[in-house]
Amino acid sequence: MKIKVKFIGFQKEEGFVEIERNKRYVDLLNKLDINPETVVVVKDGLPVPVDDEIEEGEIKVIRVISGG
């Protein structure tokens, strides 16, 4: 299936990614070479756990910045 991915806080272009059905968001992030601990995945305006199964549609991958 194809997933539209928008990146916020990255130097990456938005686009479509082909991924097998029954995969999880963590699998998609690994395929994109993104550390799951450094981002929040948002679908339909709500954050989703990276271990949830991927649903068709559009997601945003938002880089989390922390510091102290």
C-alpha atoms as a PDB file:
ATOM      1  CA  MET A   1       0.000   0.000   0.000  1.00  0.00           C
ATOM      2  CA  LYS A   2       1.088   3.600  -0.488  1.00  0.00           C
ATOM      3  CA  ILE A   3       1.341   6.037   2.401  1.00  0.00           C
ATOM      4  CA  LYS A   4       1.737   9.788   1.907  1.00  0.00           C
ATOM      5  CA  VAL A   5       4.374  11.081   4.308  1.00  0.00           C
ATOM      6  CA  LYS A   6       4.990  14.725   5.241  1.00  0.00           C
ATOM      7  CA  PHE A   7       8.102  15.594   7.231  1.00  0.00           C
ATOM      8  CA  ILE A   8       8.277  18.427   9.759  1.00  0.00           C
ATOM      9  CA  GLY A   9      11.678  19.401  11.109  1.00  0.00           C
ATOM     10  CA  PHE A  10      13.550  17.399   8.455  1.00  0.00           C
ATOM     11  CA  GLN A  11      15.364  18.212   5.240  1.00  0.00           C
ATOM     12  CA  LYS A  12      13.222  15.612   3.461  1.00  0.00           C
ATOM     13  CA  GLU A  13      10.664  16.089   0.724  1.00  0.00           C
ATOM     14  CA  GLU A  14       7.128  14.855   1.305  1.00  0.00           C
ATOM     15  CA  GLY A  15       6.121  11.956  -0.877  1.00  0.00           C
ATOM     16  CA  PHE A  16       4.640   8.509  -1.112  1.00  0.00           C
ATOM     17  CA  VAL A  17       6.189   5.416   0.434  1.00  0.00           C
ATOM     18  CA  GLU A  18       5.280   1.888  -0.576  1.00  0.00           C
ATOM     19  CA  ILE A  19       4.951  -0.496   2.387  1.00  0.00           C
ATOM     20  CA  GLU A  20       3.475  -3.952   2.841  1.00  0.00           C
ATOM     21  CA  ARG A  21       0.147  -4.351   4.589  1.00  0.00           C
ATOM     22  CA  ASN A  22       0.141  -5.398   8.269  1.00  0.00           C
ATOM     23  CA  LYS A  23       3.341  -3.450   8.971  1.00  0.00           C
ATOM     24  CA  ARG A  24       3.685  -1.028  11.864  1.00  0.00           C
ATOM     25  CA  TYR A  25       4.691   2.617  11.885  1.00  0.00           C
ATOM     26  CA  VAL A  26       8.031   1.634  13.430  1.00  0.00           C
ATOM     27  CA  ASP A  27       8.689  -0.492  10.321  1.00  0.00           C
ATOM     28  CA  LEU A  28       7.975   2.520   8.109  1.00  0.00           C
ATOM     29  CA  LEU A  29      10.292   4.730  10.160  1.00  0.00           C
ATOM     30  CA  ASN A  30      13.053   2.129   9.960  1.00  0.00           C
ATOM     31  CA  LYS A  31      12.571   1.923   6.193  1.00  0.00           C
ATOM     32  CA  LEU A  32      12.973   5.728   6.049  1.00  0.00           C
ATOM     33  CA  ASP A  33      16.113   5.481   8.246  1.00  0.00           C
ATOM     34  CA  ILE A  34      14.457   7.524  11.034  1.00  0.00           C
ATOM     35  CA  ASN A  35      15.001   6.702  14.709  1.00  0.00           C
ATOM     36  CA  PRO A  36      11.491   6.152  16.174  1.00  0.00           C
ATOM     37  CA  GLU A  37      12.594   7.677  19.499  1.00  0.00           C
ATOM     38  CA  THR A  38      13.225  11.071  17.854  1.00  0.00           C
ATOM     39  CA  VAL A  39       9.835  11.621  16.199  1.00  0.00           C
ATOM     40  CA  VAL A  40       6.086  11.706  16.700  1.00  0.00           C
ATOM     41  CA  VAL A  41       3.862  10.164  14.042  1.00  0.00           C
ATOM     42  CA  VAL A  42       0.575  12.028  13.492  1.00  0.00           C
ATOM     43  CA  LYS A  43      -2.430  10.663  11.577  1.00  0.00           C
ATOM     44  CA  ASP A  44      -5.665  12.608  11.192  1.00  0.00           C
ATOM     45  CA  GLY A  45      -4.359  15.246  13.599  1.00  0.00           C
ATOM     46  CA  LEU A  46      -3.683  12.789  16.429  1.00  0.00           C
ATOM     47  CA  PRO A  47      -0.408  11.176  17.520  1.00  0.00           C
ATOM     48  CA  VAL A  48      -0.271   7.424  17.004  1.00  0.00           C
ATOM     49  CA  PRO A  49       1.948   4.899  18.786  1.00  0.00           C
ATOM     50  CA  VAL A  50       4.750   3.682  16.530  1.00  0.00           C
ATOM     51  CA  ASP A  51       3.790   0.083  17.289  1.00  0.00           C
ATOM     52  CA  ASP A  52       0.277   0.567  15.817  1.00  0.00           C
ATOM     53  CA  GLU A  53      -0.480  -1.075  12.489  1.00  0.00           C
ATOM     54  CA  ILE A  54      -0.237   1.306   9.535  1.00  0.00           C
ATOM     55  CA  GLU A  55      -3.504   2.563   8.063  1.00  0.00           C
ATOM     56  CA  GLU A  56      -3.830   3.940   4.546  1.00  0.00           C
ATOM     57  CA  GLY A  57      -3.814   7.678   4.160  1.00  0.00           C
ATOM     58  CA  GLU A  58      -1.482  10.492   5.069  1.00  0.00           C
ATOM     59  CA  ILE A  59       0.817  10.839   8.050  1.00  0.00           C
ATOM     60  CA  LYS A  60       3.117  13.517   9.372  1.00  0.00           C
ATOM     61  CA  VAL A  61       6.472  12.636  10.874  1.00  0.00           C
ATOM     62  CA  ILE A  62       7.435  15.389  13.293  1.00  0.00           C
ATOM     63  CA  ARG A  63      10.973  15.604  14.661  1.00  0.00           C
ATOM     64  CA  VAL A  64      10.987  16.088  18.424  1.00  0.00           C
ATOM     65  CA  ILE A  65      13.562  18.487  19.814  1.00  0.00           C
ATOM     66  CA  SER A  66      14.451  18.329  23.476  1.00  0.00           C
ATOM     67  CA  GLY A  67      16.987  19.972  25.636  1.00  0.00           C
ATOM     68  CA  GLY A  68      17.490  21.481  28.979  1.00  0.00           C
END
